[in-house]
Amino acid sequence: LEISCGAIDRGASLAFLSQYPGEEEILYPPLSYLEVLKKPRQEVMEGKRVKVLQLRINANVMSSTIEDMLGKRKQLYAGLMENIAREVERDLRGEEGRIQERLRTATDDSYWERHQDLVSSIVKECWGL
């Protein structure tokens, strides 16, 4: 393999950590990839034919960290739950006509204002209060 890389696509050398002396190990960022530049060619090395691939490393320097991705996911779910809570609250407010009709026939519920407690309880539960 013949691998080339530009100034931006350089990885971090781990040669000082290598178990094998003289071995060069490079660590690249997540989501990096190798791009084939030309068709493979045949060469003779030490009396043996080998296939040579010319590659270029493309390091993804814009990839998000796991913490960034989890933060975005948390924001997405928090926004989703807020929208659901608002939707439930809106739907409850839309049922006020039916609640008033029920209160006309159920005077005990009307007297104890149970309908307001129920609405308040549902809204609090939706908002996690």
Foldseek 3Di string as FASTA:
>chain_A
DAEDEDPVFFFQWPQVVDPDHPDTDGDADPPKDKDFDDDWDWDADPNDIDTDTYIYIDGDPPDDDPVVVVVVVVVVVVVVLVVVLVVVLVVLVVCVVVVVVVCVVVVVCVVVVVSVVVSVVSSCVSVVD
